[in-house]
């Protein structure tokens, strides 16, 4: 089963967005997929240093928001 994907707005200055586009194209990805890959790598690195991040279920998350 495919997991639900959420959307959010990310603001970047023009130069950074162009550089991201260059890197994404070089890697054969879209800018969106490049950002996902970078975030995924960052989470893996964080969890290696600090331990697994426990996720809230959707009801607990709704209570926080």
Protein backbone atom coordinates (compact mmCIF):
# COMPACT_ATOMS: atom_id res chain seq x y z
CA UNK A 1 0.00 0.00 0.00
CA UNK A 2 1.35 3.42 -0.95
CA UNK A 3 1.83 5.73 1.99
CA UNK A 4 -0.05 9.04 2.10
CA UNK A 5 2.03 11.97 0.86
CA UNK A 6 1.45 15.40 2.39
CA UNK A 7 2.18 18.73 0.79
CA UNK A 8 3.73 21.84 2.27
CA UNK A 9 5.13 25.06 0.88
CA UNK A 10 8.88 25.61 0.87
CA UNK A 11 10.26 29.08 0.24
CA UNK A 12 13.69 29.36 -1.39
CA UNK A 13 15.52 32.26 -2.93
CA UNK A 14 16.02 32.11 -6.71
CA UNK A 15 19.71 31.23 -6.60
CA UNK A 16 19.20 28.32 -4.21
CA UNK A 17 16.26 27.02 -6.25
CA UNK A 18 18.33 27.13 -9.44
CA UNK A 19 21.22 25.31 -7.75
CA UNK A 20 18.81 22.68 -6.41
CA UNK A 21 17.45 22.24 -9.94
CA UNK A 22 20.97 21.79 -11.30
CA UNK A 23 21.83 19.14 -8.71
CA UNK A 24 18.50 17.36 -9.16
CA UNK A 25 18.96 17.20 -12.94
CA UNK A 26 22.53 15.94 -12.49
CA UNK A 27 21.23 13.18 -10.19
CA UNK A 28 18.38 12.33 -12.57
CA UNK A 29 15.67 13.49 -10.16
CA UNK A 30 13.03 16.16 -9.99
CA UNK A 31 13.57 18.96 -7.49
CA UNK A 32 10.85 17.42 -5.34
CA UNK A 33 12.52 13.99 -5.33
CA UNK A 34 15.90 15.58 -4.62
CA UNK A 35 14.48 17.35 -1.55
CA UNK A 36 12.86 14.08 -0.40
CA UNK A 37 16.20 12.29 -0.77
CA UNK A 38 18.05 14.98 1.18
CA UNK A 39 15.49 14.90 3.99
CA UNK A 40 15.56 11.08 4.08
CA UNK A 41 19.39 11.14 4.37
CA UNK A 42 19.22 13.75 7.14
CA UNK A 43 16.68 11.69 9.13
CA UNK A 44 18.83 8.55 8.78
CA UNK A 45 21.91 10.45 9.98
CA UNK A 46 19.99 11.99 12.91
CA UNK A 47 18.62 8.60 13.99
CA UNK A 48 22.07 7.03 13.80
CA UNK A 49 23.34 9.66 16.24
CA UNK A 50 20.31 10.04 18.50
CA UNK A 51 18.24 6.87 18.16
CA UNK A 52 15.01 6.04 16.41
CA UNK A 53 12.37 8.77 16.27
CA UNK A 54 9.06 7.42 17.52
CA UNK A 55 6.15 8.49 15.34
CA UNK A 56 2.78 9.60 16.65
CA UNK A 57 -0.33 7.98 15.24
CA UNK A 58 -2.67 10.26 13.29
CA UNK A 59 -5.03 10.84 16.24
CA UNK A 60 -2.16 11.93 18.53
CA UNK A 61 -0.81 14.18 15.80
CA UNK A 62 -4.23 15.80 15.30
CA UNK A 63 -4.40 16.54 19.05
CA UNK A 64 -1.07 18.40 18.88
CA UNK A 65 -2.08 20.50 15.88
